[in-house]
Amino acid sequence: MLGVENKLLLKMKKKIRNKKVYVVLAADILHKGHINILNKAASLGEITVGLLTDKAIASYKKIPFLNYSQREIILKNLIMVKNVIPQQTLDHRPNLRKINALN
């Protein structure tokens, strides 16, 4: 039989799992900082990564070492990432509108 504290903890964990978390990354060379961000985001809910396209990255720095498809494969294989979608610009709002329209 579960105690009151355990029931509340299970209820809170269930709520967290139902939350959606959106993280924008370039993730050209995946490093510890990216993993830390994704782990923190995973503790808050289900992660969708808005992966910056090559064009979006090139708008503010050099063309990425890995192309979009290569970076997408890497992120999709991380256990904490649920979805990866293209982030066409540095502005995350268009993707958030699309995601909210789907839910």
N, C-alpha and C. Protein backbone atom coordinates (compact mmCIF):
# COMPACT_ATOMS: atom_id res chain seq x y z
N MET A 1 0.85 -1.18 0.00
CA MET A 1 0.00 0.00 0.00
C MET A 1 0.89 1.25 0.00
N LEU A 2 0.56 2.18 -0.89
CA LEU A 2 1.34 3.41 -1.01
C LEU A 2 0.94 4.42 0.05
N GLY A 3 1.94 5.08 0.62
CA GLY A 3 1.67 6.16 1.56
C GLY A 3 1.22 7.40 0.80
N VAL A 4 0.71 8.37 1.53
CA VAL A 4 0.23 9.62 0.94
C VAL A 4 1.34 10.32 0.17
N GLU A 5 2.55 10.34 0.74
CA GLU A 5 3.67 11.01 0.08
C GLU A 5 3.99 10.34 -1.26
N ASN A 6 3.99 9.00 -1.27
CA ASN A 6 4.28 8.27 -2.51
C ASN A 6 3.21 8.50 -3.57
N LYS A 7 1.96 8.57 -3.15
CA LYS A 7 0.87 8.83 -4.09
C LYS A 7 1.03 10.20 -4.72
N LEU A 8 1.37 11.19 -3.88
CA LEU A 8 1.58 12.55 -4.39
C LEU A 8 2.77 12.60 -5.35
N LEU A 9 3.84 11.89 -5.01
CA LEU A 9 5.02 11.84 -5.87
C LEU A 9 4.68 11.22 -7.22
N LEU A 10 3.95 10.11 -7.22
CA LEU A 10 3.54 9.47 -8.47
C LEU A 10 2.65 10.38 -9.31
N LYS A 11 1.76 11.10 -8.65
CA LYS A 11 0.88 12.04 -9.34
C LYS A 11 1.69 13.17 -9.99
N MET A 12 2.69 13.68 -9.25
CA MET A 12 3.53 14.74 -9.78
C MET A 12 4.35 14.24 -10.97
N LYS A 13 4.90 13.03 -10.88
CA LYS A 13 5.67 12.46 -11.99
C LYS A 13 4.80 12.29 -13.22
N LYS A 14 3.56 11.87 -13.03
CA LYS A 14 2.64 11.70 -14.15
C LYS A 14 2.37 13.04 -14.82
N LYS A 15 2.18 14.10 -14.04
CA LYS A 15 1.96 15.44 -14.58
C LYS A 15 3.17 15.90 -15.38
N ILE A 16 4.37 15.64 -14.86
CA ILE A 16 5.59 16.04 -15.55
C ILE A 16 5.68 15.33 -16.90
N ARG A 17 5.37 14.03 -16.93
CA ARG A 17 5.44 13.28 -18.18
C ARG A 17 4.49 13.84 -19.23
N ASN A 18 3.39 14.44 -18.80
CA ASN A 18 2.41 14.99 -19.74
C ASN A 18 2.78 16.37 -20.25
N LYS A 19 3.74 17.02 -19.63
CA LYS A 19 4.16 18.36 -20.06
C LYS A 19 5.03 18.26 -21.29
N LYS A 20 4.94 19.26 -22.13
CA LYS A 20 5.76 19.35 -23.34
C LYS A 20 6.83 20.40 -23.13
N VAL A 21 8.07 20.08 -23.51
CA VAL A 21 9.19 20.99 -23.37
C VAL A 21 9.81 21.18 -24.74
N TYR A 22 10.00 22.44 -25.14
CA TYR A 22 10.60 22.75 -26.44
C TYR A 22 11.99 23.33 -26.23
N VAL A 23 12.98 22.71 -26.86
CA VAL A 23 14.37 23.14 -26.73
C VAL A 23 14.92 23.39 -28.12
N VAL A 24 15.50 24.57 -28.33
CA VAL A 24 16.13 24.90 -29.61
C VAL A 24 17.63 24.65 -29.49
N LEU A 25 18.16 23.88 -30.44
CA LEU A 25 19.59 23.58 -30.45
C LEU A 25 20.14 23.66 -31.86
N ALA A 26 21.41 24.03 -31.96
CA ALA A 26 22.15 23.88 -33.22
C ALA A 26 22.78 22.49 -33.20
N ALA A 27 23.33 22.11 -32.05
CA ALA A 27 23.89 20.77 -31.81
C ALA A 27 24.84 20.32 -32.90
N ASP A 28 25.70 21.25 -33.34
CA ASP A 28 26.65 20.90 -34.39
C ASP A 28 27.62 19.84 -33.89
N ILE A 29 28.27 20.12 -32.81
CA ILE A 29 29.10 19.11 -32.15
C ILE A 29 28.48 18.92 -30.76
N LEU A 30 27.84 17.80 -30.55
CA LEU A 30 27.14 17.54 -29.29
C LEU A 30 28.17 17.46 -28.16
N HIS A 31 27.91 18.19 -27.08
CA HIS A 31 28.85 18.20 -25.96
C HIS A 31 28.09 18.14 -24.64
N LYS A 32 28.84 18.13 -23.56
CA LYS A 32 28.28 17.99 -22.22
C LYS A 32 27.21 19.04 -21.91
N GLY A 33 27.40 20.25 -22.37
CA GLY A 33 26.41 21.31 -22.14
C GLY A 33 25.06 20.98 -22.77
N HIS A 34 25.08 20.43 -23.99
CA HIS A 34 23.84 20.02 -24.64
C HIS A 34 23.15 18.92 -23.83
N ILE A 35 23.94 17.95 -23.39
CA ILE A 35 23.38 16.84 -22.61
C ILE A 35 22.78 17.35 -21.30
N ASN A 36 23.46 18.29 -20.65
CA ASN A 36 22.93 18.87 -19.41
C ASN A 36 21.59 19.56 -19.65
N ILE A 37 21.52 20.33 -20.73
CA ILE A 37 20.27 21.03 -21.08
C ILE A 37 19.15 20.02 -21.33
N LEU A 38 19.46 18.98 -22.09
CA LEU A 38 18.45 17.97 -22.42
C LEU A 38 18.02 17.18 -21.19
N ASN A 39 18.95 16.87 -20.32
CA ASN A 39 18.59 16.17 -19.07
C ASN A 39 17.68 17.03 -18.20
N LYS A 40 17.99 18.30 -18.08
CA LYS A 40 17.16 19.21 -17.29
C LYS A 40 15.77 19.31 -17.92
N ALA A 41 15.73 19.47 -19.25
CA ALA A 41 14.45 19.56 -19.95
C ALA A 41 13.64 18.28 -19.76
N ALA A 42 14.31 17.12 -19.81
CA ALA A 42 13.63 15.84 -19.63
C ALA A 42 13.02 15.72 -18.24
N SER A 43 13.65 16.36 -17.27
CA SER A 43 13.09 16.32 -15.91
C SER A 43 11.81 17.14 -15.82
N LEU A 44 11.59 18.01 -16.81
CA LEU A 44 10.40 18.87 -16.81
C LEU A 44 9.27 18.31 -17.67
N GLY A 45 9.58 17.40 -18.59
CA GLY A 45 8.54 16.83 -19.45
C GLY A 45 9.11 16.21 -20.71
N GLU A 46 8.21 15.99 -21.67
CA GLU A 46 8.55 15.36 -22.95
C GLU A 46 9.21 16.37 -23.88
N ILE A 47 10.41 16.03 -24.38
CA ILE A 47 11.21 16.99 -25.15
C ILE A 47 10.96 16.90 -26.64
N THR A 48 10.71 18.06 -27.23
CA THR A 48 10.79 18.25 -28.67
C THR A 48 11.94 19.21 -28.90
N VAL A 49 12.88 18.80 -29.76
CA VAL A 49 14.01 19.66 -30.09
C VAL A 49 13.70 20.37 -31.40
N GLY A 50 13.79 21.69 -31.38
CA GLY A 50 13.75 22.48 -32.60
C GLY A 50 15.19 22.58 -33.08
N LEU A 51 15.54 21.75 -34.04
CA LEU A 51 16.92 21.70 -34.52
C LEU A 51 17.12 22.75 -35.60
N LEU A 52 18.03 23.68 -35.33
CA LEU A 52 18.29 24.74 -36.31
C LEU A 52 18.77 24.14 -37.62
N THR A 53 18.20 24.62 -38.71
CA THR A 53 18.63 24.17 -40.03
C THR A 53 20.00 24.78 -40.33
N ASP A 54 20.65 24.25 -41.36
CA ASP A 54 21.95 24.78 -41.76
C ASP A 54 21.85 26.27 -42.09
N LYS A 55 20.77 26.64 -42.78
CA LYS A 55 20.57 28.04 -43.16
C LYS A 55 20.39 28.93 -41.92
N ALA A 56 19.63 28.44 -40.95
CA ALA A 56 19.42 29.22 -39.72
C ALA A 56 20.73 29.43 -38.97
N ILE A 57 21.55 28.39 -38.91
CA ILE A 57 22.85 28.51 -38.23
C ILE A 57 23.74 29.49 -38.99
N ALA A 58 23.75 29.36 -40.32
CA ALA A 58 24.61 30.22 -41.15
C ALA A 58 24.21 31.69 -41.03
N SER A 59 23.00 31.97 -40.56
CA SER A 59 22.56 33.36 -40.42
C SER A 59 23.27 34.08 -39.27
N TYR A 60 23.89 33.32 -38.35
CA TYR A 60 24.57 33.99 -37.24
C TYR A 60 26.00 33.50 -36.99
N LYS A 61 26.41 32.41 -37.64
CA LYS A 61 27.80 31.96 -37.51
C LYS A 61 28.15 31.08 -38.71
N LYS A 62 29.31 30.45 -38.67
CA LYS A 62 29.77 29.62 -39.78
C LYS A 62 28.82 28.45 -40.04
N ILE A 63 28.86 27.95 -41.27
CA ILE A 63 28.07 26.77 -41.64
C ILE A 63 28.50 25.63 -40.72
N PRO A 64 27.54 24.83 -40.24
CA PRO A 64 27.88 23.77 -39.29
C PRO A 64 28.77 22.69 -39.89
N PHE A 65 29.54 22.06 -39.02
CA PHE A 65 30.41 20.96 -39.42
C PHE A 65 29.58 19.77 -39.88
N LEU A 66 28.55 19.42 -39.10
CA LEU A 66 27.61 18.35 -39.47
C LEU A 66 26.39 18.97 -40.12
N ASN A 67 25.88 18.34 -41.17
CA ASN A 67 24.68 18.89 -41.81
C ASN A 67 23.44 18.54 -40.98
N TYR A 68 22.31 19.10 -41.38
CA TYR A 68 21.07 18.94 -40.62
C TYR A 68 20.74 17.46 -40.42
N SER A 69 20.78 16.69 -41.48
CA SER A 69 20.41 15.26 -41.39
C SER A 69 21.29 14.51 -40.41
N GLN A 70 22.57 14.79 -40.40
CA GLN A 70 23.48 14.12 -39.48
C GLN A 70 23.17 14.50 -38.03
N ARG A 71 22.92 15.78 -37.80
CA ARG A 71 22.60 16.24 -36.45
C ARG A 71 21.25 15.68 -35.99
N GLU A 72 20.31 15.59 -36.91
CA GLU A 72 18.99 15.05 -36.59
C GLU A 72 19.09 13.59 -36.16
N ILE A 73 19.87 12.80 -36.87
CA ILE A 73 20.05 11.38 -36.52
C ILE A 73 20.61 11.24 -35.11
N ILE A 74 21.60 12.05 -34.80
CA ILE A 74 22.21 11.98 -33.46
C ILE A 74 21.17 12.29 -32.39
N LEU A 75 20.43 13.39 -32.56
CA LEU A 75 19.45 13.79 -31.54
C LEU A 75 18.32 12.78 -31.41
N LYS A 76 17.86 12.23 -32.53
CA LYS A 76 16.77 11.25 -32.47
C LYS A 76 17.17 9.98 -31.73
N ASN A 77 18.45 9.74 -31.62
CA ASN A 77 18.94 8.55 -30.93
C ASN A 77 19.24 8.77 -29.46
N LEU A 78 18.99 9.97 -28.97
CA LEU A 78 19.13 10.23 -27.54
C LEU A 78 17.84 9.84 -26.84
N ILE A 79 17.96 9.07 -25.80
CA ILE A 79 16.79 8.52 -25.11
C ILE A 79 15.84 9.60 -24.57
N MET A 80 16.38 10.76 -24.20
CA MET A 80 15.54 11.78 -23.58
C MET A 80 14.78 12.64 -24.60
N VAL A 81 15.10 12.49 -25.89
CA VAL A 81 14.46 13.31 -26.93
C VAL A 81 13.31 12.54 -27.56
N LYS A 82 12.13 13.12 -27.52
CA LYS A 82 10.93 12.49 -28.08
C LYS A 82 10.78 12.81 -29.57
N ASN A 83 10.94 14.09 -29.93
CA ASN A 83 10.77 14.54 -31.31
C ASN A 83 11.87 15.53 -31.69
N VAL A 84 12.18 15.55 -32.99
CA VAL A 84 13.09 16.55 -33.54
C VAL A 84 12.40 17.16 -34.75
N ILE A 85 12.28 18.49 -34.73
CA ILE A 85 11.66 19.18 -35.86
C ILE A 85 12.59 20.29 -36.35
N PRO A 86 12.51 20.62 -37.65
CA PRO A 86 13.39 21.68 -38.15
C PRO A 86 13.01 23.05 -37.60
N GLN A 87 14.00 23.80 -37.20
CA GLN A 87 13.83 25.18 -36.75
C GLN A 87 14.43 26.04 -37.86
N GLN A 88 13.58 26.63 -38.69
CA GLN A 88 14.01 27.32 -39.91
C GLN A 88 14.68 28.67 -39.66
N THR A 89 14.34 29.30 -38.54
CA THR A 89 14.90 30.62 -38.21
C THR A 89 15.32 30.61 -36.74
N LEU A 90 15.93 31.69 -36.31
CA LEU A 90 16.31 31.80 -34.91
C LEU A 90 15.11 32.08 -34.01
N ASP A 91 14.00 32.46 -34.60
CA ASP A 91 12.77 32.74 -33.87
C ASP A 91 12.00 31.43 -33.65
N HIS A 92 11.80 31.05 -32.42
CA HIS A 92 11.12 29.80 -32.09
C HIS A 92 9.60 29.87 -32.16
N ARG A 93 9.05 31.08 -32.24
CA ARG A 93 7.59 31.23 -32.16
C ARG A 93 6.82 30.52 -33.27
N PRO A 94 7.27 30.54 -34.55
CA PRO A 94 6.51 29.80 -35.57
C PRO A 94 6.38 28.30 -35.25
N ASN A 95 7.45 27.69 -34.75
CA ASN A 95 7.38 26.27 -34.40
C ASN A 95 6.46 26.03 -33.21
N LEU A 96 6.51 26.92 -32.23
CA LEU A 96 5.61 26.77 -31.08
C LEU A 96 4.15 26.88 -31.50
N ARG A 97 3.86 27.76 -32.44
CA ARG A 97 2.48 27.88 -32.95
C ARG A 97 2.05 26.59 -33.64
N LYS A 98 2.94 26.01 -34.42
CA LYS A 98 2.63 24.73 -35.10
C LYS A 98 2.38 23.63 -34.08
N ILE A 99 3.25 23.54 -33.09
CA ILE A 99 3.10 22.50 -32.06
C ILE A 99 1.80 22.68 -31.30
N ASN A 100 1.48 23.90 -30.92
CA ASN A 100 0.24 24.15 -30.18
C ASN A 100 -0.99 23.87 -31.03
N ALA A 101 -0.91 24.09 -32.32
CA ALA A 101 -2.04 23.82 -33.21
C ALA A 101 -2.30 22.31 -33.31
N LEU A 102 -1.25 21.50 -33.16
CA LEU A 102 -1.40 20.04 -33.23
C LEU A 102 -1.99 19.46 -31.97
N ASN A 103 -1.83 20.16 -30.85
CA ASN A 103 -2.32 19.61 -29.55
C ASN A 103 -3.71 20.07 -29.23
